[in-house]
Amino acid sequence: MRERSDIFSLGCVLYQAATGRLPFRGASTLAIMHEIATSTPAAPSSLRPELPRAFDQLISACLEKYPKERPSSAGEVARELKRLTSSQDSNGRHPNEPAIDCRHSIPHSNAGSGG
């Protein structure tokens, strides 16, 4: 079960890397915990329209409320990310260009503050 908790954390990191914002937000730790328990974050593509819908589906799966509904391993997530990158390559991207470009999405001013 612990690995699937790590998958939730990986989903949060991927969401932030792709969108520049945390999937769950609140003014306090308790407010964030409430958001995690009761809310579904906006699809990454609603914040970055160039992201593929399949990426939305992968992140949504990682952030499932019930651990058994999440991908079973980080390897499974990695394979899906690689598949997404490969499918983007077949659509005309340069092979060395990432399908999901996260290089400029996270603001550096609050990178060490936890969000």
Protein backbone atom coordinates (compact mmCIF):
# COMPACT_ATOMS: atom_id res chain seq x y z
CA MET A 1 0.00 0.00 0.00
CA ARG A 2 2.92 2.35 0.68
CA GLU A 3 4.02 2.39 -2.95
CA ARG A 4 0.58 3.62 -3.98
CA SER A 5 0.91 6.46 -1.46
CA ASP A 6 4.16 7.32 -3.22
CA ILE A 7 2.21 7.31 -6.52
CA PHE A 8 -0.09 9.98 -5.09
CA SER A 9 2.96 12.07 -4.19
CA LEU A 10 4.42 11.49 -7.66
CA GLY A 11 1.13 12.68 -9.16
CA CYS A 12 1.38 15.89 -7.11
CA VAL A 13 4.96 16.48 -8.28
CA LEU A 14 4.10 15.80 -11.94
CA TYR A 15 1.06 18.09 -11.69
CA GLN A 16 3.15 20.93 -10.26
CA ALA A 17 5.97 20.38 -12.75
CA ALA A 18 3.55 20.52 -15.68
CA THR A 19 1.31 23.37 -14.50
CA GLY A 20 3.40 25.47 -12.14
CA ARG A 21 0.91 25.08 -9.31
CA LEU A 22 0.05 22.54 -6.67
CA PRO A 23 -2.97 20.31 -7.31
CA PHE A 24 -4.36 20.99 -3.84
CA ARG A 25 -4.16 24.40 -2.22
CA GLY A 26 -5.22 25.95 1.05
CA ALA A 27 -4.34 28.59 3.61
CA SER A 28 -3.33 25.98 6.20
CA THR A 29 -2.29 22.36 6.44
CA LEU A 30 -5.81 21.48 7.57
CA ALA A 31 -7.31 23.30 4.58
CA ILE A 32 -4.99 21.42 2.21
CA MET A 33 -5.88 18.11 3.84
CA HIS A 34 -9.56 18.96 3.37
CA GLU A 35 -8.94 19.72 -0.31
CA ILE A 36 -7.14 16.41 -0.78
CA ALA A 37 -10.02 14.53 0.86
CA THR A 38 -12.88 16.30 -0.89
CA SER A 39 -11.74 17.93 -4.14
CA THR A 40 -10.54 16.92 -7.56
CA PRO A 41 -7.92 19.27 -9.00
CA ALA A 42 -8.42 20.96 -12.35
CA ALA A 43 -7.11 18.92 -15.26
CA PRO A 44 -3.54 19.95 -16.11
CA SER A 45 -4.63 20.72 -19.68
CA SER A 46 -7.12 23.28 -18.36
CA LEU A 47 -4.09 25.24 -17.13
CA ARG A 48 -1.76 24.33 -20.01
CA PRO A 49 -3.88 23.55 -23.10
CA GLU A 50 -0.90 22.11 -25.00
CA LEU A 51 -0.76 19.14 -22.61
CA PRO A 52 -2.28 15.96 -24.03
CA ARG A 53 -5.53 14.63 -22.54
CA ALA A 54 -3.77 11.32 -21.87
CA PHE A 55 -1.50 13.23 -19.45
CA ASP A 56 -4.63 14.47 -17.66
CA GLN A 57 -5.81 10.88 -17.36
CA LEU A 58 -2.47 9.70 -15.98
CA ILE A 59 -2.32 12.47 -13.37
CA SER A 60 -5.94 11.87 -12.44
CA ALA A 61 -5.17 8.17 -11.91
CA CYS A 62 -2.16 9.03 -9.72
CA LEU A 63 -4.32 11.37 -7.60
CA GLU A 64 -7.17 8.91 -7.06
CA LYS A 65 -8.59 9.10 -3.53
CA TYR A 66 -8.52 5.32 -3.12
CA PRO A 67 -5.01 3.82 -3.35
CA LYS A 68 -6.19 0.66 -5.13
CA GLU A 69 -7.42 2.83 -8.01
CA ARG A 70 -3.96 4.38 -8.58
CA PRO A 71 -1.28 2.91 -10.83
CA SER A 72 0.40 0.02 -9.03
CA SER A 73 3.97 1.26 -9.37
CA ALA A 74 6.22 4.14 -10.39
CA GLY A 75 7.40 1.90 -13.23
CA GLU A 76 3.86 1.80 -14.58
CA VAL A 77 3.70 5.62 -14.46
CA ALA A 78 7.12 5.87 -16.14
CA ARG A 79 6.02 3.53 -18.95
CA GLU A 80 2.91 5.63 -19.54
CA LEU A 81 4.95 8.85 -19.58
CA LYS A 82 7.34 7.26 -22.07
CA ARG A 83 4.39 6.16 -24.21
CA LEU A 84 3.01 9.72 -24.14
CA THR A 85 6.39 11.07 -25.19
CA SER A 86 6.64 8.52 -28.01
CA SER A 87 3.16 9.36 -29.28
CA GLN A 88 4.07 13.03 -29.30
CA ASP A 89 7.23 12.25 -31.30
CA SER A 90 5.12 10.60 -33.99
CA ASN A 91 3.16 13.85 -34.26
CA GLY A 92 6.12 15.84 -35.48
CA ARG A 93 8.10 16.84 -32.40
CA HIS A 94 11.86 16.59 -32.54
CA PRO A 95 12.91 13.28 -30.87
CA ASN A 96 14.98 15.12 -28.24
CA GLU A 97 12.22 17.59 -27.38
CA PRO A 98 10.16 16.50 -24.37
CA ALA A 99 6.46 15.99 -25.09
CA ILE A 100 5.65 17.72 -21.83
CA ASP A 101 7.99 20.67 -21.39
CA CYS A 102 8.20 21.54 -17.70
CA ARG A 103 11.40 23.57 -17.79
CA HIS A 104 9.76 26.95 -17.34
CA SER A 105 6.54 26.08 -15.53
CA ILE A 106 7.57 26.28 -11.87
CA PRO A 107 8.09 29.78 -10.53
CA HIS A 108 11.52 29.96 -8.92
CA SER A 109 10.59 32.61 -6.34
CA ASN A 110 8.77 30.16 -4.06
CA ALA A 111 10.44 26.89 -5.03
CA GLY A 112 11.88 26.42 -1.54
CA SER A 113 8.79 27.54 0.35
CA GLY A 114 6.69 24.46 -0.36
CA GLY A 115 4.33 26.16 -2.75
